[in-house]
Every structure is written in C-alpha cells, then in structure tokens.
PDB file of all heavy atoms in Angstrom:
ATOM      1  N   THR A   1       0.819  -1.268  -0.011  1.00  0.00           N
ATOM      2  CA  THR A   1       0.012   0.068   0.099  1.00  0.00           C
ATOM      3  C   THR A   1       0.837   1.270   0.015  1.00  0.00           C
ATOM      4  O   THR A   1       0.463   2.250  -0.648  1.00  0.00           O
ATOM      5  CB  THR A   1      -0.967   0.000   1.240  1.00  0.00           C
ATOM      6  OG1 THR A   1      -0.160  -0.068   2.426  1.00  0.00           O
ATOM      7  CG2 THR A   1      -1.894  -1.075   1.193  1.00  0.00           C
ATOM      8  N   ASP A   2       1.987   1.234   0.690  1.00  0.00           N
ATOM      9  CA  ASP A   2       2.755   2.605   0.824  1.00  0.00           C
ATOM     10  C   ASP A   2       4.181   2.431   0.350  1.00  0.00           C
ATOM     11  O   ASP A   2       4.933   3.320   0.376  1.00  0.00           O
ATOM     12  CB  ASP A   2       2.840   2.889   2.298  1.00  0.00           C
ATOM     13  CG  ASP A   2       1.516   3.142   2.911  1.00  0.00           C
ATOM     14  OD1 ASP A   2       0.573   3.700   2.319  1.00  0.00           O
ATOM     15  OD2 ASP A   2       1.231   2.858   4.149  1.00  0.00           O
ATOM     16  N   ARG A   3       4.587   1.173  -0.263  1.00  0.00           N
ATOM     17  CA  ARG A   3       5.838   0.999  -0.724  1.00  0.00           C
ATOM     18  C   ARG A   3       6.962   1.349   0.320  1.00  0.00           C
ATOM     19  O   ARG A   3       7.861   1.998   0.091  1.00  0.00           O
ATOM     20  CB  ARG A   3       6.140   1.760  -1.964  1.00  0.00           C
ATOM     21  CG  ARG A   3       5.546   1.085  -3.299  1.00  0.00           C
ATOM     22  CD  ARG A   3       6.064  -0.224  -3.394  1.00  0.00           C
ATOM     23  NE  ARG A   3       5.895  -0.692  -4.816  1.00  0.00           N
ATOM     24  CZ  ARG A   3       5.101  -1.820  -4.987  1.00  0.00           C
ATOM     25  NH1 ARG A   3       4.521  -2.451  -4.077  1.00  0.00           N
ATOM     26  NH2 ARG A   3       5.010  -2.307  -6.180  1.00  0.00           N
ATOM     27  N   ARG A   4       6.613   0.872   1.576  1.00  0.00           N
ATOM     28  CA  ARG A   4       7.613   0.973   2.693  1.00  0.00           C
ATOM     29  C   ARG A   4       8.106  -0.374   3.143  1.00  0.00           C
ATOM     30  O   ARG A   4       7.322  -1.339   3.106  1.00  0.00           O
ATOM     31  CB  ARG A   4       7.010   1.697   3.739  1.00  0.00           C
ATOM     32  CG  ARG A   4       6.723   3.174   3.462  1.00  0.00           C
ATOM     33  CD  ARG A   4       6.044   3.837   4.554  1.00  0.00           C
ATOM     34  NE  ARG A   4       5.459   5.081   4.189  1.00  0.00           N
ATOM     35  CZ  ARG A   4       6.155   6.319   4.566  1.00  0.00           C
ATOM     36  NH1 ARG A   4       7.319   6.355   5.194  1.00  0.00           N
ATOM     37  NH2 ARG A   4       5.677   7.426   4.107  1.00  0.00           N
ATOM     38  N   ILE A   5       9.400  -0.530   3.488  1.00  0.00           N
ATOM     39  CA  ILE A   5       9.937  -1.780   4.035  1.00  0.00           C
ATOM     40  C   ILE A   5      10.538  -1.515   5.314  1.00  0.00           C
ATOM     41  O   ILE A   5      10.832  -0.251   5.687  1.00  0.00           O
ATOM     42  CB  ILE A   5      10.981  -2.275   3.079  1.00  0.00           C
ATOM     43  CG1 ILE A   5      12.134  -1.281   2.668  1.00  0.00           C
ATOM     44  CG2 ILE A   5      10.220  -2.733   1.679  1.00  0.00           C
ATOM     45  CD1 ILE A   5      13.161  -1.790   1.813  1.00  0.00           C
ATOM     46  N   LEU A   6      10.851  -2.556   6.093  1.00  0.00           N
ATOM     47  CA  LEU A   6      11.396  -2.453   7.409  1.00  0.00           C
ATOM     48  C   LEU A   6      12.778  -1.983   7.213  1.00  0.00           C
ATOM     49  O   LEU A   6      13.653  -2.647   6.505  1.00  0.00           O
ATOM     50  CB  LEU A   6      11.511  -3.845   7.971  1.00  0.00           C
ATOM     51  CG  LEU A   6      11.786  -3.968   9.493  1.00  0.00           C
ATOM     52  CD1 LEU A   6      10.790  -3.311  10.374  1.00  0.00           C
ATOM     53  CD2 LEU A   6      11.930  -5.392   9.947  1.00  0.00           C
ATOM     54  N   ALA A   7      13.164  -0.924   7.875  1.00  0.00           N
ATOM     55  CA  ALA A   7      14.469  -0.388   7.834  1.00  0.00           C
ATOM     56  C   ALA A   7      15.395  -0.664   9.040  1.00  0.00           C
ATOM     57  O   ALA A   7      16.568  -0.559   9.116  1.00  0.00           O
ATOM     58  CB  ALA A   7      14.498   1.181   7.619  1.00  0.00           C
ATOM     59  N   GLY A   8      14.729  -1.120  10.186  1.00  0.00           N
ATOM     60  CA  GLY A   8      15.457  -1.400  11.379  1.00  0.00           C
ATOM     61  C   GLY A   8      14.445  -1.719  12.481  1.00  0.00           C
ATOM     62  O   GLY A   8      13.296  -1.286  12.523  1.00  0.00           O
ATOM     63  N   VAL A   9      14.940  -2.578  13.420  1.00  0.00           N
ATOM     64  CA  VAL A   9      14.135  -2.980  14.544  1.00  0.00           C
ATOM     65  C   VAL A   9      14.738  -2.470  15.723  1.00  0.00           C
ATOM     66  O   VAL A   9      15.911  -2.643  16.102  1.00  0.00           O
ATOM     67  CB  VAL A   9      14.038  -4.494  14.655  1.00  0.00           C
ATOM     68  CG1 VAL A   9      13.318  -4.999  15.865  1.00  0.00           C
ATOM     69  CG2 VAL A   9      13.382  -5.105  13.403  1.00  0.00           C
ATOM     70  N   ASP A  10      14.011  -1.652  16.541  1.00  0.00           N
ATOM     71  CA  ASP A  10      14.430  -1.024  17.762  1.00  0.00           C
ATOM     72  C   ASP A  10      14.227  -1.807  18.930  1.00  0.00           C
ATOM     73  O   ASP A  10      14.924  -1.735  20.058  1.00  0.00           O
ATOM     74  CB  ASP A  10      13.768   0.435  17.841  1.00  0.00           C
ATOM     75  CG  ASP A  10      14.186   1.210  16.658  1.00  0.00           C
ATOM     76  OD1 ASP A  10      15.249   1.177  16.183  1.00  0.00           O
ATOM     77  OD2 ASP A  10      13.275   2.071  16.263  1.00  0.00           O
ATOM     78  N   GLY A  11      13.072  -2.650  19.109  1.00  0.00           N
ATOM     79  CA  GLY A  11      12.667  -3.436  20.154  1.00  0.00           C
ATOM     80  C   GLY A  11      11.686  -4.432  19.842  1.00  0.00           C
ATOM     81  O   GLY A  11      10.821  -4.222  18.967  1.00  0.00           O
ATOM     82  N   VAL A  12      11.804  -5.713  20.486  1.00  0.00           N
ATOM     83  CA  VAL A  12      10.843  -6.816  20.203  1.00  0.00           C
ATOM     84  C   VAL A  12      10.394  -7.272  21.538  1.00  0.00           C
ATOM     85  O   VAL A  12      11.210  -7.596  22.313  1.00  0.00           O
ATOM     86  CB  VAL A  12      11.472  -7.831  19.365  1.00  0.00           C
ATOM     87  CG1 VAL A  12      10.544  -8.974  19.129  1.00  0.00           C
ATOM     88  CG2 VAL A  12      11.847  -7.273  17.988  1.00  0.00           C
ATOM     89  N   GLU A  13       9.064  -7.463  21.732  1.00  0.00           N
ATOM     90  CA  GLU A  13       8.606  -8.258  22.890  1.00  0.00           C
ATOM     91  C   GLU A  13       7.803  -9.329  22.227  1.00  0.00           C
ATOM     92  O   GLU A  13       6.786  -9.064  21.543  1.00  0.00           O
ATOM     93  CB  GLU A  13       7.640  -7.407  23.729  1.00  0.00           C
ATOM     94  CG  GLU A  13       7.092  -8.117  24.855  1.00  0.00           C
ATOM     95  CD  GLU A  13       5.904  -7.407  25.579  1.00  0.00           C
ATOM     96  OE1 GLU A  13       5.914  -6.140  25.564  1.00  0.00           O
ATOM     97  OE2 GLU A  13       5.134  -8.059  26.249  1.00  0.00           O
ATOM     98  N   PHE A  14       8.197 -10.633  22.403  1.00  0.00           N
ATOM     99  CA  PHE A  14       7.650 -11.728  21.806  1.00  0.00           C
ATOM    100  C   PHE A  14       7.433 -12.760  22.860  1.00  0.00           C
ATOM    101  O   PHE A  14       8.262 -13.669  23.040  1.00  0.00           O
ATOM    102  CB  PHE A  14       8.683 -12.305  20.781  1.00  0.00           C
ATOM    103  CG  PHE A  14       7.931 -13.152  19.741  1.00  0.00           C
ATOM    104  CD1 PHE A  14       8.629 -13.329  18.453  1.00  0.00           C
ATOM    105  CD2 PHE A  14       6.818 -13.897  19.875  1.00  0.00           C
ATOM    106  CE1 PHE A  14       8.145 -14.124  17.462  1.00  0.00           C
ATOM    107  CE2 PHE A  14       6.255 -14.580  18.873  1.00  0.00           C
ATOM    108  CZ  PHE A  14       6.942 -14.845  17.702  1.00  0.00           C
ATOM    109  N   ALA A  15       6.374 -12.618  23.641  1.00  0.00           N
ATOM    110  CA  ALA A  15       6.047 -13.584  24.686  1.00  0.00           C
ATOM    111  C   ALA A  15       4.539 -13.441  25.118  1.00  0.00           C
ATOM    112  O   ALA A  15       3.883 -12.455  24.841  1.00  0.00           O
ATOM    113  CB  ALA A  15       6.861 -13.178  25.927  1.00  0.00           C
ATOM    114  N   ASP A  16       4.006 -14.428  25.884  1.00  0.00           N
ATOM    115  CA  ASP A  16       2.734 -14.451  26.408  1.00  0.00           C
ATOM    116  C   ASP A  16       1.632 -14.148  25.401  1.00  0.00           C
ATOM    117  O   ASP A  16       0.824 -13.364  25.572  1.00  0.00           O
ATOM    118  CB  ASP A  16       2.723 -13.351  27.624  1.00  0.00           C
ATOM    119  CG  ASP A  16       3.552 -13.758  28.680  1.00  0.00           C
ATOM    120  OD1 ASP A  16       3.712 -14.933  28.967  1.00  0.00           O
ATOM    121  OD2 ASP A  16       4.063 -12.719  29.321  1.00  0.00           O
ATOM    122  N   ASN A  17       1.703 -14.876  24.225  1.00  0.00           N
ATOM    123  CA  ASN A  17       0.777 -14.748  23.250  1.00  0.00           C
ATOM    124  C   ASN A  17       0.674 -13.324  22.690  1.00  0.00           C
ATOM    125  O   ASN A  17      -0.429 -12.826  22.194  1.00  0.00           O
ATOM    126  CB  ASN A  17      -0.558 -15.236  23.558  1.00  0.00           C
ATOM    127  CG  ASN A  17      -0.536 -16.692  23.900  1.00  0.00           C
ATOM    128  OD1 ASN A  17       0.097 -17.464  23.238  1.00  0.00           O
ATOM    129  ND2 ASN A  17      -1.353 -17.078  24.850  1.00  0.00           N
ATOM    130  N   ARG A  18       1.760 -12.568  22.619  1.00  0.00           N
ATOM    131  CA  ARG A  18       1.831 -11.233  22.248  1.00  0.00           C
ATOM    132  C   ARG A  18       3.048 -10.935  21.450  1.00  0.00           C
ATOM    133  O   ARG A  18       4.186 -11.435  21.834  1.00  0.00           O
ATOM    134  CB  ARG A  18       1.580 -10.259  23.369  1.00  0.00           C
ATOM    135  CG  ARG A  18       1.707  -8.782  22.944  1.00  0.00           C
ATOM    136  CD  ARG A  18       1.550  -7.806  24.176  1.00  0.00           C
ATOM    137  NE  ARG A  18       0.479  -8.218  24.913  1.00  0.00           N
ATOM    138  CZ  ARG A  18       0.429  -8.405  26.273  1.00  0.00           C
ATOM    139  NH1 ARG A  18       1.502  -8.386  26.806  1.00  0.00           N
ATOM    140  NH2 ARG A  18      -0.778  -8.516  26.950  1.00  0.00           N
ATOM    141  N   LEU A  19       3.032 -10.156  20.350  1.00  0.00           N
ATOM    142  CA  LEU A  19       4.208  -9.693  19.745  1.00  0.00           C
ATOM    143  C   LEU A  19       4.124  -8.240  19.519  1.00  0.00           C
ATOM    144  O   LEU A  19       2.975  -7.639  18.995  1.00  0.00           O
ATOM    145  CB  LEU A  19       4.212 -10.353  18.326  1.00  0.00           C
ATOM    146  CG  LEU A  19       5.400  -9.899  17.399  1.00  0.00           C
ATOM    147  CD1 LEU A  19       6.842 -10.033  18.086  1.00  0.00           C
ATOM    148  CD2 LEU A  19       5.375 -10.495  16.004  1.00  0.00           C
ATOM    149  N   THR A  20       5.056  -7.511  19.943  1.00  0.00           N
ATOM    150  CA  THR A  20       5.159  -6.051  19.770  1.00  0.00           C
ATOM    151  C   THR A  20       6.547  -5.717  19.270  1.00  0.00           C
ATOM    152  O   THR A  20       7.511  -6.150  19.788  1.00  0.00           O
ATOM    153  CB  THR A  20       4.993  -5.344  21.117  1.00  0.00           C
ATOM    154  OG1 THR A  20       3.702  -5.610  21.835  1.00  0.00           O
ATOM    155  CG2 THR A  20       5.056  -3.822  20.883  1.00  0.00           C
ATOM    156  N   VAL A  21       6.541  -5.049  18.036  1.00  0.00           N
ATOM    157  CA  VAL A  21       7.687  -4.747  17.424  1.00  0.00           C
ATOM    158  C   VAL A  21       7.802  -3.196  17.232  1.00  0.00           C
ATOM    159  O   VAL A  21       6.855  -2.640  16.547  1.00  0.00           O
ATOM    160  CB  VAL A  21       7.902  -5.353  16.006  1.00  0.00           C
ATOM    161  CG1 VAL A  21       9.252  -4.918  15.237  1.00  0.00           C
ATOM    162  CG2 VAL A  21       7.752  -6.963  16.179  1.00  0.00           C
ATOM    163  N   SER A  22       8.785  -2.586  17.838  1.00  0.00           N
ATOM    164  CA  SER A  22       9.082  -1.167  17.562  1.00  0.00           C
ATOM    165  C   SER A  22      10.183  -1.097  16.558  1.00  0.00           C
ATOM    166  O   SER A  22      11.209  -1.640  16.697  1.00  0.00           O
ATOM    167  CB  SER A  22       9.550  -0.380  18.775  1.00  0.00           C
ATOM    168  OG  SER A  22       8.626  -0.621  19.874  1.00  0.00           O
ATOM    169  N   ALA A  23       9.790  -0.398  15.434  1.00  0.00           N
ATOM    170  CA  ALA A  23      10.724  -0.531  14.234  1.00  0.00           C
ATOM    171  C   ALA A  23      10.766   0.890  13.448  1.00  0.00           C
ATOM    172  O   ALA A  23      10.059   1.748  13.980  1.00  0.00           O
ATOM    173  CB  ALA A  23      10.338  -1.627  13.361  1.00  0.00           C
ATOM    174  N   ARG A  24      11.374   0.868  12.410  1.00  0.00           N
ATOM    175  CA  ARG A  24      11.332   2.015  11.454  1.00  0.00           C
ATOM    176  C   ARG A  24      11.158   1.388  10.064  1.00  0.00           C
ATOM    177  O   ARG A  24      11.567   0.340   9.587  1.00  0.00           O
ATOM    178  CB  ARG A  24      12.610   2.696  11.380  1.00  0.00           C
ATOM    179  CG  ARG A  24      12.873   3.393  12.750  1.00  0.00           C
ATOM    180  CD  ARG A  24      14.360   3.906  12.864  1.00  0.00           C
ATOM    181  NE  ARG A  24      15.109   2.826  13.526  1.00  0.00           N
ATOM    182  CZ  ARG A  24      16.151   2.106  12.945  1.00  0.00           C
ATOM    183  NH1 ARG A  24      16.486   2.422  11.666  1.00  0.00           N
ATOM    184  NH2 ARG A  24      16.640   1.124  13.584  1.00  0.00           N
ATOM    185  N   LEU A  25      10.262   2.074   9.385  1.00  0.00           N
ATOM    186  CA  LEU A  25       9.918   1.771   7.947  1.00  0.00           C
ATOM    187  C   LEU A  25      10.424   2.864   7.009  1.00  0.00           C
ATOM    188  O   LEU A  25      10.512   4.028   7.464  1.00  0.00           O
ATOM    189  CB  LEU A  25       8.458   1.640   7.657  1.00  0.00           C
ATOM    190  CG  LEU A  25       7.638   0.605   8.447  1.00  0.00           C
ATOM    191  CD1 LEU A  25       6.208   0.655   8.034  1.00  0.00           C
ATOM    192  CD2 LEU A  25       8.290  -0.754   8.102  1.00  0.00           C
ATOM    193  N   ALA A  26      10.876   2.431   5.932  1.00  0.00           N
ATOM    194  CA  ALA A  26      11.487   3.415   4.930  1.00  0.00           C
ATOM    195  C   ALA A  26      10.965   3.261   3.525  1.00  0.00           C
ATOM    196  O   ALA A  26      10.533   2.111   3.159  1.00  0.00           O
ATOM    197  CB  ALA A  26      12.992   3.316   4.859  1.00  0.00           C
ATOM    198  N   PRO A  27      10.781   4.275   2.772  1.00  0.00           N
ATOM    199  CA  PRO A  27      10.248   4.138   1.443  1.00  0.00           C
ATOM    200  C   PRO A  27      11.208   3.254   0.618  1.00  0.00           C
ATOM    201  O   PRO A  27      12.388   3.384   0.710  1.00  0.00           O
ATOM    202  CB  PRO A  27      10.108   5.611   0.851  1.00  0.00           C
ATOM    203  CG  PRO A  27      10.173   6.346   2.159  1.00  0.00           C
ATOM    204  CD  PRO A  27      10.870   5.685   3.129  1.00  0.00           C
ATOM    205  N   VAL A  28      10.676   2.482  -0.328  1.00  0.00           N
ATOM    206  CA  VAL A  28      11.482   1.733  -1.287  1.00  0.00           C
ATOM    207  C   VAL A  28      12.027   2.757  -2.422  1.00  0.00           C
ATOM    208  O   VAL A  28      11.361   3.603  -2.872  1.00  0.00           O
ATOM    209  CB  VAL A  28      10.714   0.683  -1.947  1.00  0.00           C
ATOM    210  CG1 VAL A  28      11.396  -0.036  -3.126  1.00  0.00           C
ATOM    211  CG2 VAL A  28      10.245  -0.300  -0.938  1.00  0.00           C
ATOM    212  N   ASP A  29      13.261   2.628  -2.712  1.00  0.00           N
ATOM    213  CA  ASP A  29      13.921   3.305  -3.755  1.00  0.00           C
ATOM    214  C   ASP A  29      13.600   2.645  -5.013  1.00  0.00           C
ATOM    215  O   ASP A  29      14.145   1.634  -5.339  1.00  0.00           O
ATOM    216  CB  ASP A  29      15.395   3.510  -3.542  1.00  0.00           C
ATOM    217  CG  ASP A  29      16.057   4.421  -4.600  1.00  0.00           C
ATOM    218  OD1 ASP A  29      15.555   4.508  -5.721  1.00  0.00           O
ATOM    219  OD2 ASP A  29      17.058   5.048  -4.241  1.00  0.00           O
ATOM    220  N   GLU A  30      12.493   3.121  -5.734  1.00  0.00           N
ATOM    221  CA  GLU A  30      12.038   2.380  -7.025  1.00  0.00           C
ATOM    222  C   GLU A  30      13.170   2.183  -8.143  1.00  0.00           C
ATOM    223  O   GLU A  30      13.183   1.292  -8.894  1.00  0.00           O
ATOM    224  CB  GLU A  30      10.842   2.977  -7.517  1.00  0.00           C
ATOM    225  CG  GLU A  30       9.681   3.023  -6.599  1.00  0.00           C
ATOM    226  CD  GLU A  30       9.106   1.640  -6.443  1.00  0.00           C
ATOM    227  OE1 GLU A  30       9.310   0.851  -7.093  1.00  0.00           O
ATOM    228  OE2 GLU A  30       8.443   1.414  -5.207  1.00  0.00           O
ATOM    229  N   LEU A  31      14.037   3.227  -8.132  1.00  0.00           N
ATOM    230  CA  LEU A  31      15.001   3.225  -9.224  1.00  0.00           C
ATOM    231  C   LEU A  31      16.215   2.268  -8.968  1.00  0.00           C
ATOM    232  O   LEU A  31      16.784   1.556  -9.894  1.00  0.00           O
ATOM    233  CB  LEU A  31      15.683   4.578  -9.330  1.00  0.00           C
ATOM    234  CG  LEU A  31      14.694   5.760  -9.818  1.00  0.00           C
ATOM    235  CD1 LEU A  31      15.440   7.100  -9.869  1.00  0.00           C
ATOM    236  CD2 LEU A  31      14.249   5.268 -11.193  1.00  0.00           C
ATOM    237  N   ARG A  32      16.500   1.953  -7.627  1.00  0.00           N
ATOM    238  CA  ARG A  32      17.633   1.059  -7.384  1.00  0.00           C
ATOM    239  C   ARG A  32      17.090  -0.266  -7.017  1.00  0.00           C
ATOM    240  O   ARG A  32      17.966  -1.319  -6.798  1.00  0.00           O
ATOM    241  CB  ARG A  32      18.406   1.645  -6.165  1.00  0.00           C
ATOM    242  CG  ARG A  32      19.201   2.906  -6.600  1.00  0.00           C
ATOM    243  CD  ARG A  32      20.008   3.423  -5.480  1.00  0.00           C
ATOM    244  NE  ARG A  32      19.440   3.354  -4.203  1.00  0.00           N
ATOM    245  CZ  ARG A  32      20.166   3.416  -2.991  1.00  0.00           C
ATOM    246  NH1 ARG A  32      21.472   3.375  -3.094  1.00  0.00           N
ATOM    247  NH2 ARG A  32      19.424   3.328  -1.888  1.00  0.00           N
ATOM    248  N   SER A  33      15.785  -0.611  -6.743  1.00  0.00           N
ATOM    249  CA  SER A  33      15.281  -1.876  -6.425  1.00  0.00           C
ATOM    250  C   SER A  33      15.022  -2.716  -7.642  1.00  0.00           C
ATOM    251  O   SER A  33      14.635  -2.141  -8.683  1.00  0.00           O
ATOM    252  CB  SER A  33      13.992  -1.667  -5.601  1.00  0.00           C
ATOM    253  OG  SER A  33      14.275  -0.989  -4.351  1.00  0.00           O
ATOM    254  N   GLU A  34      15.103  -3.940  -7.437  1.00  0.00           N
ATOM    255  CA  GLU A  34      14.696  -4.964  -8.465  1.00  0.00           C
ATOM    256  C   GLU A  34      13.629  -5.889  -7.917  1.00  0.00           C
ATOM    257  O   GLU A  34      13.714  -6.397  -6.903  1.00  0.00           O
ATOM    258  CB  GLU A  34      15.968  -5.868  -8.764  1.00  0.00           C
ATOM    259  CG  GLU A  34      17.136  -5.174  -9.294  1.00  0.00           C
ATOM    260  CD  GLU A  34      18.288  -6.033  -9.519  1.00  0.00           C
ATOM    261  OE1 GLU A  34      18.124  -7.367  -9.670  1.00  0.00           O
ATOM    262  OE2 GLU A  34      19.377  -5.589  -9.526  1.00  0.00           O
ATOM    263  N   TYR A  35      12.562  -6.090  -8.732  1.00  0.00           N
ATOM    264  CA  TYR A  35      11.417  -6.932  -8.437  1.00  0.00           C
ATOM    265  C   TYR A  35      11.535  -8.174  -9.089  1.00  0.00           C
ATOM    266  O   TYR A  35      11.696  -8.282 -10.330  1.00  0.00           O
ATOM    267  CB  TYR A  35      10.160  -6.207  -8.774  1.00  0.00           C
ATOM    268  CG  TYR A  35       9.908  -4.906  -7.915  1.00  0.00           C
ATOM    269  CD1 TYR A  35      10.274  -3.664  -8.375  1.00  0.00           C
ATOM    270  CD2 TYR A  35       9.519  -5.004  -6.465  1.00  0.00           C
ATOM    271  CE1 TYR A  35      10.166  -2.524  -7.634  1.00  0.00           C
ATOM    272  CE2 TYR A  35       9.402  -3.883  -5.786  1.00  0.00           C
ATOM    273  CZ  TYR A  35       9.632  -2.580  -6.368  1.00  0.00           C
ATOM    274  OH  TYR A  35       9.505  -1.450  -5.558  1.00  0.00           O
ATOM    275  N   HIS A  36      11.344  -9.302  -8.341  1.00  0.00           N
ATOM    276  CA  HIS A  36      11.428 -10.664  -8.949  1.00  0.00           C
ATOM    277  C   HIS A  36      10.143 -11.353  -8.985  1.00  0.00           C
ATOM    278  O   HIS A  36       9.787 -12.105  -9.899  1.00  0.00           O
ATOM    279  CB  HIS A  36      12.518 -11.618  -8.263  1.00  0.00           C
ATOM    280  CG  HIS A  36      13.812 -10.936  -8.113  1.00  0.00           C
ATOM    281  ND1 HIS A  36      14.902 -11.481  -7.448  1.00  0.00           N
ATOM    282  CD2 HIS A  36      14.416  -9.836  -8.878  1.00  0.00           C
ATOM    283  CE1 HIS A  36      15.996 -10.855  -7.681  1.00  0.00           C
ATOM    284  NE2 HIS A  36      15.716  -9.895  -8.474  1.00  0.00           N
ATOM    285  N   ARG A  37       9.335 -11.184  -7.964  1.00  0.00           N
ATOM    286  CA  ARG A  37       8.055 -11.874  -7.833  1.00  0.00           C
ATOM    287  C   ARG A  37       7.082 -10.967  -6.999  1.00  0.00           C
ATOM    288  O   ARG A  37       7.530 -10.125  -6.253  1.00  0.00           O
ATOM    289  CB  ARG A  37       8.178 -13.292  -6.964  1.00  0.00           C
ATOM    290  CG  ARG A  37       9.095 -14.166  -7.465  1.00  0.00           C
ATOM    291  CD  ARG A  37       9.310 -15.330  -6.454  1.00  0.00           C
ATOM    292  NE  ARG A  37      10.431 -16.114  -6.633  1.00  0.00           N
ATOM    293  CZ  ARG A  37      11.598 -15.877  -6.087  1.00  0.00           C
ATOM    294  NH1 ARG A  37      11.841 -14.794  -5.302  1.00  0.00           N
ATOM    295  NH2 ARG A  37      12.679 -16.699  -6.272  1.00  0.00           N
ATOM    296  N   GLU A  38       5.825 -11.290  -7.241  1.00  0.00           N
ATOM    297  CA  GLU A  38       4.750 -10.575  -6.372  1.00  0.00           C
ATOM    298  C   GLU A  38       4.337 -11.670  -5.379  1.00  0.00           C
ATOM    299  O   GLU A  38       4.043 -12.831  -5.686  1.00  0.00           O
ATOM    300  CB  GLU A  38       3.569 -10.328  -7.333  1.00  0.00           C
ATOM    301  CG  GLU A  38       2.437  -9.800  -6.532  1.00  0.00           C
ATOM    302  CD  GLU A  38       1.108  -9.542  -7.300  1.00  0.00           C
ATOM    303  OE1 GLU A  38       1.130  -9.921  -8.525  1.00  0.00           O
ATOM    304  OE2 GLU A  38       0.276  -9.048  -6.756  1.00  0.00           O
ATOM    305  N   VAL A  39       4.416 -11.124  -4.088  1.00  0.00           N
ATOM    306  CA  VAL A  39       3.931 -12.058  -3.063  1.00  0.00           C
ATOM    307  C   VAL A  39       2.417 -11.685  -2.780  1.00  0.00           C
ATOM    308  O   VAL A  39       2.129 -10.495  -2.559  1.00  0.00           O
ATOM    309  CB  VAL A  39       4.769 -11.773  -1.683  1.00  0.00           C
ATOM    310  CG1 VAL A  39       4.143 -12.554  -0.530  1.00  0.00           C
ATOM    311  CG2 VAL A  39       6.188 -12.297  -1.958  1.00  0.00           C
TER     312      VAL A  39
END
C-alpha cells in the first residue's frame, strides 16, 4: 500500500501470546530496487 519496507528493529517483545515490534519503515527506492516476484 505505501511501498515501505522495514529499515530497522528497535525493540521486540515476543512472549505471552503477544508480539510487539518497535521499528522503522523506509520508502522503497524504486530506481535502485529490483522486483522478482509478487507475493
């Protein structure tokens, strides 16, 4: 939807049936990226 990808993970809590991820997303550089498949 936004052409953003994970740029880094700052913190993860993965326990007690809960997952919380504090992270950073960055826009994809369309000129330098190569696409192989659609997921």
